[in-house]
Amino acid sequence: QVQGLCGTFNGDQRDEFTTPDGDVELGVAAFANAFRAAGACPALGPGIPDPCDGFPGIRERAEAACAVLMGPAFQ
C-alpha cells in the first residue's frame, strides 16, 4: 500500500491526489496543501512557483540534475 505525495501506485490515475483525509483533489496546489504541516510553511497558491526563483544562480545545476532523471536510465 503506497499513499501520500508519491501517489497510490495502483494504476488508477484518478486517485493519485488522495489526501490524508481520503479526499481526491483535482489540483496540485490543493493536494500539496493537504500535506502541509500547519504553520510550517505558507500554503501554495493556484500557480506552481518556479523553485529556481528562490535560489538565484542554481538553474543550470538544477537543469543538469533533471536531465539525468529525464534521460534514458529512467525511461
PDB file of N, CA and C in Angstrom:
ATOM      1  N   GLN A   1       0.845  -1.180   0.000  1.00  0.00           N
ATOM      2  CA  GLN A   1       0.000   0.000   0.000  1.00  0.00           C
ATOM      3  C   GLN A   1       0.886   1.236   0.000  1.00  0.00           C
ATOM      4  N   VAL A   2       0.819   1.997  -1.067  1.00  0.00           N
ATOM      5  CA  VAL A   2       1.547   3.260  -1.153  1.00  0.00           C
ATOM      6  C   VAL A   2       0.523   4.376  -1.097  1.00  0.00           C
ATOM      7  N   GLN A   3       0.857   5.421  -0.347  1.00  0.00           N
ATOM      8  CA  GLN A   3      -0.078   6.523  -0.193  1.00  0.00           C
ATOM      9  C   GLN A   3       0.711   7.757   0.163  1.00  0.00           C
ATOM     10  N   GLY A   4       0.263   8.915  -0.271  1.00  0.00           N
ATOM     11  CA  GLY A   4       0.914  10.158   0.086  1.00  0.00           C
ATOM     12  C   GLY A   4       1.287  10.983  -1.117  1.00  0.00           C
ATOM     13  N   LEU A   5       2.304  11.817  -0.956  1.00  0.00           N
ATOM     14  CA  LEU A   5       2.713  12.720  -2.025  1.00  0.00           C
ATOM     15  C   LEU A   5       3.219  11.973  -3.247  1.00  0.00           C
ATOM     16  N   CYS A   6       3.605  10.724  -3.100  1.00  0.00           N
ATOM     17  CA  CYS A   6       4.081   9.927  -4.242  1.00  0.00           C
ATOM     18  C   CYS A   6       2.934   9.235  -4.967  1.00  0.00           C
ATOM     19  N   GLY A   7       1.702   9.435  -4.542  1.00  0.00           N
ATOM     20  CA  GLY A   7       0.555   8.807  -5.193  1.00  0.00           C
ATOM     21  C   GLY A   7       0.226   7.473  -4.562  1.00  0.00           C
ATOM     22  N   THR A   8      -0.624   6.709  -5.236  1.00  0.00           N
ATOM     23  CA  THR A   8      -1.082   5.435  -4.695  1.00  0.00           C
ATOM     24  C   THR A   8      -0.440   4.226  -5.368  1.00  0.00           C
ATOM     25  N   PHE A   9       0.115   4.427  -6.539  1.00  0.00           N
ATOM     26  CA  PHE A   9       0.816   3.382  -7.288  1.00  0.00           C
ATOM     27  C   PHE A   9      -0.050   2.136  -7.473  1.00  0.00           C
ATOM     28  N   ASN A  10      -1.321   2.370  -7.806  1.00  0.00           N
ATOM     29  CA  ASN A  10      -2.219   1.237  -8.031  1.00  0.00           C
ATOM     30  C   ASN A  10      -2.705   1.171  -9.479  1.00  0.00           C
ATOM     31  N   GLY A  11      -2.143   2.012 -10.357  1.00  0.00           N
ATOM     32  CA  GLY A  11      -2.520   2.001 -11.757  1.00  0.00           C
ATOM     33  C   GLY A  11      -3.749   2.831 -12.079  1.00  0.00           C
ATOM     34  N   ASP A  12      -4.400   3.370 -11.079  1.00  0.00           N
ATOM     35  CA  ASP A  12      -5.598   4.192 -11.283  1.00  0.00           C
ATOM     36  C   ASP A  12      -5.224   5.657 -11.084  1.00  0.00           C
ATOM     37  N   GLN A  13      -5.072   6.395 -12.172  1.00  0.00           N
ATOM     38  CA  GLN A  13      -4.645   7.791 -12.073  1.00  0.00           C
ATOM     39  C   GLN A  13      -5.704   8.697 -11.446  1.00  0.00           C
ATOM     40  N   ARG A  14      -6.928   8.228 -11.367  1.00  0.00           N
ATOM     41  CA  ARG A  14      -7.995   9.054 -10.796  1.00  0.00           C
ATOM     42  C   ARG A  14      -7.820   9.280  -9.294  1.00  0.00           C
ATOM     43  N   ASP A  15      -7.058   8.433  -8.609  1.00  0.00           N
ATOM     44  CA  ASP A  15      -6.920   8.601  -7.155  1.00  0.00           C
ATOM     45  C   ASP A  15      -5.499   8.997  -6.732  1.00  0.00           C
ATOM     46  N   GLU A  16      -4.702   9.465  -7.663  1.00  0.00           N
ATOM     47  CA  GLU A  16      -3.324   9.828  -7.332  1.00  0.00           C
ATOM     48  C   GLU A  16      -3.236  10.999  -6.357  1.00  0.00           C
ATOM     49  N   PHE A  17      -4.210  11.888  -6.373  1.00  0.00           N
ATOM     50  CA  PHE A  17      -4.177  13.059  -5.493  1.00  0.00           C
ATOM     51  C   PHE A  17      -5.052  12.836  -4.258  1.00  0.00           C
ATOM     52  N   THR A  18      -4.996  11.654  -3.668  1.00  0.00           N
ATOM     53  CA  THR A  18      -5.766  11.356  -2.460  1.00  0.00           C
ATOM     54  C   THR A  18      -5.082  11.980  -1.252  1.00  0.00           C
ATOM     55  N   THR A  19      -5.837  12.771  -0.494  1.00  0.00           N
ATOM     56  CA  THR A  19      -5.301  13.475   0.673  1.00  0.00           C
ATOM     57  C   THR A  19      -5.288  12.555   1.891  1.00  0.00           C
ATOM     58  N   PRO A  20      -4.644  12.984   2.974  1.00  0.00           N
ATOM     59  CA  PRO A  20      -4.656  12.173   4.200  1.00  0.00           C
ATOM     60  C   PRO A  20      -6.074  11.916   4.732  1.00  0.00           C
ATOM     61  N   ASP A  21      -7.018  12.816   4.410  1.00  0.00           N
ATOM     62  CA  ASP A  21      -8.408  12.640   4.858  1.00  0.00           C
ATOM     63  C   ASP A  21      -9.209  11.751   3.929  1.00  0.00           C
ATOM     64  N   GLY A  22      -8.600  11.286   2.817  1.00  0.00           N
ATOM     65  CA  GLY A  22      -9.292  10.412   1.889  1.00  0.00           C
ATOM     66  C   GLY A  22      -9.988  11.120   0.746  1.00  0.00           C
ATOM     67  N   ASP A  23      -9.901  12.455   0.712  1.00  0.00           N
ATOM     68  CA  ASP A  23     -10.491  13.208  -0.396  1.00  0.00           C
ATOM     69  C   ASP A  23      -9.559  13.124  -1.593  1.00  0.00           C
ATOM     70  N   VAL A  24     -10.115  13.270  -2.795  1.00  0.00           N
ATOM     71  CA  VAL A  24      -9.295  13.308  -4.011  1.00  0.00           C
ATOM     72  C   VAL A  24      -9.346  14.727  -4.550  1.00  0.00           C
ATOM     73  N   GLU A  25      -8.199  15.392  -4.513  1.00  0.00           N
ATOM     74  CA  GLU A  25      -8.112  16.767  -5.008  1.00  0.00           C
ATOM     75  C   GLU A  25      -7.903  16.775  -6.513  1.00  0.00           C
ATOM     76  N   LEU A  26      -8.371  17.819  -7.164  1.00  0.00           N
ATOM     77  CA  LEU A  26      -8.225  17.941  -8.612  1.00  0.00           C
ATOM     78  C   LEU A  26      -6.968  18.702  -8.997  1.00  0.00           C
ATOM     79  N   GLY A  27      -6.484  19.574  -8.115  1.00  0.00           N
ATOM     80  CA  GLY A  27      -5.326  20.401  -8.435  1.00  0.00           C
ATOM     81  C   GLY A  27      -4.126  20.077  -7.577  1.00  0.00           C
ATOM     82  N   VAL A  28      -2.951  20.397  -8.116  1.00  0.00           N
ATOM     83  CA  VAL A  28      -1.687  20.126  -7.430  1.00  0.00           C
ATOM     84  C   VAL A  28      -1.563  20.921  -6.138  1.00  0.00           C
ATOM     85  N   ALA A  29      -1.906  22.219  -6.183  1.00  0.00           N
ATOM     86  CA  ALA A  29      -1.736  23.073  -5.005  1.00  0.00           C
ATOM     87  C   ALA A  29      -2.605  22.588  -3.839  1.00  0.00           C
ATOM     88  N   ALA A  30      -3.869  22.289  -4.112  1.00  0.00           N
ATOM     89  CA  ALA A  30      -4.759  21.814  -3.042  1.00  0.00           C
ATOM     90  C   ALA A  30      -4.265  20.489  -2.478  1.00  0.00           C
ATOM     91  N   PHE A  31      -3.760  19.623  -3.340  1.00  0.00           N
ATOM     92  CA  PHE A  31      -3.227  18.334  -2.890  1.00  0.00           C
ATOM     93  C   PHE A  31      -2.010  18.540  -1.996  1.00  0.00           C
ATOM     94  N   ALA A  32      -1.057  19.354  -2.441  1.00  0.00           N
ATOM     95  CA  ALA A  32       0.151  19.606  -1.649  1.00  0.00           C
ATOM     96  C   ALA A  32      -0.188  20.279  -0.327  1.00  0.00           C
ATOM     97  N   ASN A  33      -1.122  21.222  -0.338  1.00  0.00           N
ATOM     98  CA  ASN A  33      -1.508  21.918   0.890  1.00  0.00           C
ATOM     99  C   ASN A  33      -2.133  20.965   1.907  1.00  0.00           C
ATOM    100  N   ALA A  34      -2.744  19.879   1.450  1.00  0.00           N
ATOM    101  CA  ALA A  34      -3.346  18.906   2.370  1.00  0.00           C
ATOM    102  C   ALA A  34      -2.282  18.198   3.204  1.00  0.00           C
ATOM    103  N   PHE A  35      -1.047  18.157   2.719  1.00  0.00           N
ATOM    104  CA  PHE A  35       0.043  17.507   3.450  1.00  0.00           C
ATOM    105  C   PHE A  35       0.899  18.507   4.224  1.00  0.00           C
ATOM    106  N   ARG A  36       0.586  19.776   4.112  1.00  0.00           N
ATOM    107  CA  ARG A  36       1.380  20.830   4.754  1.00  0.00           C
ATOM    108  C   ARG A  36       1.144  20.821   6.257  1.00  0.00           C
ATOM    109  N   ALA A  37       2.226  20.882   7.016  1.00  0.00           N
ATOM    110  CA  ALA A  37       2.116  20.994   8.471  1.00  0.00           C
ATOM    111  C   ALA A  37       1.690  22.421   8.800  1.00  0.00           C
ATOM    112  N   ALA A  38       0.665  22.570   9.609  1.00  0.00           N
ATOM    113  CA  ALA A  38       0.137  23.889   9.945  1.00  0.00           C
ATOM    114  C   ALA A  38       1.232  24.800  10.487  1.00  0.00           C
ATOM    115  N   GLY A  39       1.373  25.954   9.887  1.00  0.00           N
ATOM    116  CA  GLY A  39       2.341  26.935  10.346  1.00  0.00           C
ATOM    117  C   GLY A  39       3.767  26.673   9.903  1.00  0.00           C
ATOM    118  N   ALA A  40       4.046  25.532   9.271  1.00  0.00           N
ATOM    119  CA  ALA A  40       5.422  25.202   8.888  1.00  0.00           C
ATOM    120  C   ALA A  40       5.880  25.981   7.665  1.00  0.00           C
ATOM    121  N   CYS A  41       4.983  26.256   6.761  1.00  0.00           N
ATOM    122  CA  CYS A  41       5.332  26.985   5.544  1.00  0.00           C
ATOM    123  C   CYS A  41       4.054  27.564   4.956  1.00  0.00           C
ATOM    124  N   PRO A  42       4.183  28.564   4.101  1.00  0.00           N
ATOM    125  CA  PRO A  42       2.969  29.153   3.525  1.00  0.00           C
ATOM    126  C   PRO A  42       2.285  28.185   2.560  1.00  0.00           C
ATOM    127  N   ALA A  43       0.984  28.306   2.461  1.00  0.00           N
ATOM    128  CA  ALA A  43       0.211  27.474   1.548  1.00  0.00           C
ATOM    129  C   ALA A  43       0.542  27.841   0.110  1.00  0.00           C
ATOM    130  N   LEU A  44       0.496  26.856  -0.765  1.00  0.00           N
ATOM    131  CA  LEU A  44       0.701  27.107  -2.184  1.00  0.00           C
ATOM    132  C   LEU A  44      -0.513  27.796  -2.762  1.00  0.00           C
ATOM    133  N   GLY A  45      -0.270  28.708  -3.684  1.00  0.00           N
ATOM    134  CA  GLY A  45      -1.363  29.358  -4.404  1.00  0.00           C
ATOM    135  C   GLY A  45      -1.772  28.495  -5.583  1.00  0.00           C
ATOM    136  N   PRO A  46      -2.657  29.009  -6.426  1.00  0.00           N
ATOM    137  CA  PRO A  46      -3.126  28.209  -7.555  1.00  0.00           C
ATOM    138  C   PRO A  46      -2.046  27.922  -8.593  1.00  0.00           C
ATOM    139  N   GLY A  47      -1.047  28.782  -8.708  1.00  0.00           N
ATOM    140  CA  GLY A  47       0.041  28.547  -9.651  1.00  0.00           C
ATOM    141  C   GLY A  47       1.206  27.857  -8.962  1.00  0.00           C
ATOM    142  N   ILE A  48       1.976  27.101  -9.700  1.00  0.00           N
ATOM    143  CA  ILE A  48       3.135  26.424  -9.120  1.00  0.00           C
ATOM    144  C   ILE A  48       4.349  27.331  -9.252  1.00  0.00           C
ATOM    145  N   PRO A  49       4.977  27.703  -8.125  1.00  0.00           N
ATOM    146  CA  PRO A  49       6.127  28.602  -8.200  1.00  0.00           C
ATOM    147  C   PRO A  49       7.340  27.907  -8.827  1.00  0.00           C
ATOM    148  N   ASP A  50       8.174  28.698  -9.466  1.00  0.00           N
ATOM    149  CA  ASP A  50       9.413  28.181 -10.037  1.00  0.00           C
ATOM    150  C   ASP A  50      10.429  28.083  -8.902  1.00  0.00           C
ATOM    151  N   PRO A  51      10.901  26.883  -8.562  1.00  0.00           N
ATOM    152  CA  PRO A  51      11.817  26.733  -7.434  1.00  0.00           C
ATOM    153  C   PRO A  51      13.137  27.466  -7.628  1.00  0.00           C
ATOM    154  N   CYS A  52      13.537  27.701  -8.853  1.00  0.00           N
ATOM    155  CA  CYS A  52      14.800  28.397  -9.099  1.00  0.00           C
ATOM    156  C   CYS A  52      14.714  29.885  -8.773  1.00  0.00           C
ATOM    157  N   ASP A  53      13.502  30.440  -8.707  1.00  0.00           N
ATOM    158  CA  ASP A  53      13.353  31.860  -8.388  1.00  0.00           C
ATOM    159  C   ASP A  53      13.860  32.176  -6.990  1.00  0.00           C
ATOM    160  N   GLY A  54      13.762  31.228  -6.075  1.00  0.00           N
ATOM    161  CA  GLY A  54      14.208  31.452  -4.702  1.00  0.00           C
ATOM    162  C   GLY A  54      15.698  31.235  -4.500  1.00  0.00           C
ATOM    163  N   PHE A  55      16.388  30.706  -5.489  1.00  0.00           N
ATOM    164  CA  PHE A  55      17.806  30.392  -5.372  1.00  0.00           C
ATOM    165  C   PHE A  55      18.537  30.829  -6.639  1.00  0.00           C
ATOM    166  N   PRO A  56      18.841  32.116  -6.749  1.00  0.00           N
ATOM    167  CA  PRO A  56      19.494  32.607  -7.959  1.00  0.00           C
ATOM    168  C   PRO A  56      20.816  31.879  -8.224  1.00  0.00           C
ATOM    169  N   GLY A  57      21.074  31.599  -9.490  1.00  0.00           N
ATOM    170  CA  GLY A  57      22.342  31.001  -9.878  1.00  0.00           C
ATOM    171  C   GLY A  57      22.375  29.488  -9.884  1.00  0.00           C
ATOM    172  N   ILE A  58      21.283  28.821  -9.517  1.00  0.00           N
ATOM    173  CA  ILE A  58      21.334  27.353  -9.486  1.00  0.00           C
ATOM    174  C   ILE A  58      20.534  26.705 -10.616  1.00  0.00           C
ATOM    175  N   ARG A  59      19.962  27.519 -11.470  1.00  0.00           N
ATOM    176  CA  ARG A  59      19.134  26.964 -12.544  1.00  0.00           C
ATOM    177  C   ARG A  59      19.916  25.959 -13.384  1.00  0.00           C
ATOM    178  N   GLU A  60      21.162  26.269 -13.725  1.00  0.00           N
ATOM    179  CA  GLU A  60      21.967  25.361 -14.549  1.00  0.00           C
ATOM    180  C   GLU A  60      22.194  24.029 -13.843  1.00  0.00           C
ATOM    181  N   ARG A  61      22.514  24.070 -12.547  1.00  0.00           N
ATOM    182  CA  ARG A  61      22.715  22.833 -11.781  1.00  0.00           C
ATOM    183  C   ARG A  61      21.429  22.020 -11.714  1.00  0.00           C
ATOM    184  N   ALA A  62      20.308  22.709 -11.515  1.00  0.00           N
ATOM    185  CA  ALA A  62      19.021  22.025 -11.431  1.00  0.00           C
ATOM    186  C   ALA A  62      18.660  21.379 -12.770  1.00  0.00           C
ATOM    187  N   GLU A  63      18.890  22.095 -13.855  1.00  0.00           N
ATOM    188  CA  GLU A  63      18.580  21.541 -15.177  1.00  0.00           C
ATOM    189  C   GLU A  63      19.462  20.332 -15.486  1.00  0.00           C
ATOM    190  N   ALA A  64      20.728  20.368 -15.064  1.00  0.00           N
ATOM    191  CA  ALA A  64      21.621  19.222 -15.285  1.00  0.00           C
ATOM    192  C   ALA A  64      21.153  18.019 -14.471  1.00  0.00           C
ATOM    193  N   ALA A  65      20.737  18.251 -13.228  1.00  0.00           N
ATOM    194  CA  ALA A  65      20.252  17.151 -12.390  1.00  0.00           C
ATOM    195  C   ALA A  65      18.954  16.571 -12.950  1.00  0.00           C
ATOM    196  N   CYS A  66      18.076  17.414 -13.429  1.00  0.00           N
ATOM    197  CA  CYS A  66      16.813  16.936 -14.004  1.00  0.00           C
ATOM    198  C   CYS A  66      17.046  16.187 -15.310  1.00  0.00           C
ATOM    199  N   ALA A  67      18.080  16.570 -16.040  1.00  0.00           N
ATOM    200  CA  ALA A  67      18.377  15.887 -17.298  1.00  0.00           C
ATOM    201  C   ALA A  67      18.677  14.407 -17.042  1.00  0.00           C
ATOM    202  N   VAL A  68      19.294  14.113 -15.912  1.00  0.00           N
ATOM    203  CA  VAL A  68      19.572  12.715 -15.566  1.00  0.00           C
ATOM    204  C   VAL A  68      18.260  11.964 -15.363  1.00  0.00           C
ATOM    205  N   LEU A  69      17.315  12.578 -14.640  1.00  0.00           N
ATOM    206  CA  LEU A  69      16.031  11.935 -14.380  1.00  0.00           C
ATOM    207  C   LEU A  69      15.183  11.794 -15.641  1.00  0.00           C
ATOM    208  N   MET A  70      15.369  12.716 -16.561  1.00  0.00           N
ATOM    209  CA  MET A  70      14.599  12.667 -17.811  1.00  0.00           C
ATOM    210  C   MET A  70      15.302  11.847 -18.884  1.00  0.00           C
ATOM    211  N   GLY A  71      16.504  11.379 -18.593  1.00  0.00           N
ATOM    212  CA  GLY A  71      17.307  10.635 -19.556  1.00  0.00           C
ATOM    213  C   GLY A  71      16.904   9.176 -19.707  1.00  0.00           C
ATOM    214  N   PRO A  72      17.630   8.452 -20.520  1.00  0.00           N
ATOM    215  CA  PRO A  72      17.280   7.065 -20.841  1.00  0.00           C
ATOM    216  C   PRO A  72      17.308   6.109 -19.642  1.00  0.00           C
ATOM    217  N   ALA A  73      18.082   6.407 -18.619  1.00  0.00           N
ATOM    218  CA  ALA A  73      18.160   5.500 -17.465  1.00  0.00           C
ATOM    219  C   ALA A  73      16.809   5.382 -16.748  1.00  0.00           C
ATOM    220  N   PHE A  74      15.970   6.401 -16.843  1.00  0.00           N
ATOM    221  CA  PHE A  74      14.692   6.398 -16.122  1.00  0.00           C
ATOM    222  C   PHE A  74      13.495   6.303 -17.054  1.00  0.00           C
ATOM    223  N   GLN A  75      13.694   5.972 -18.294  1.00  0.00           N
ATOM    224  CA  GLN A  75      12.554   5.879 -19.234  1.00  0.00           C
ATOM    225  C   GLN A  75      11.938   4.507 -19.195  1.00  0.00           C
TER     226      GLN A  75
END
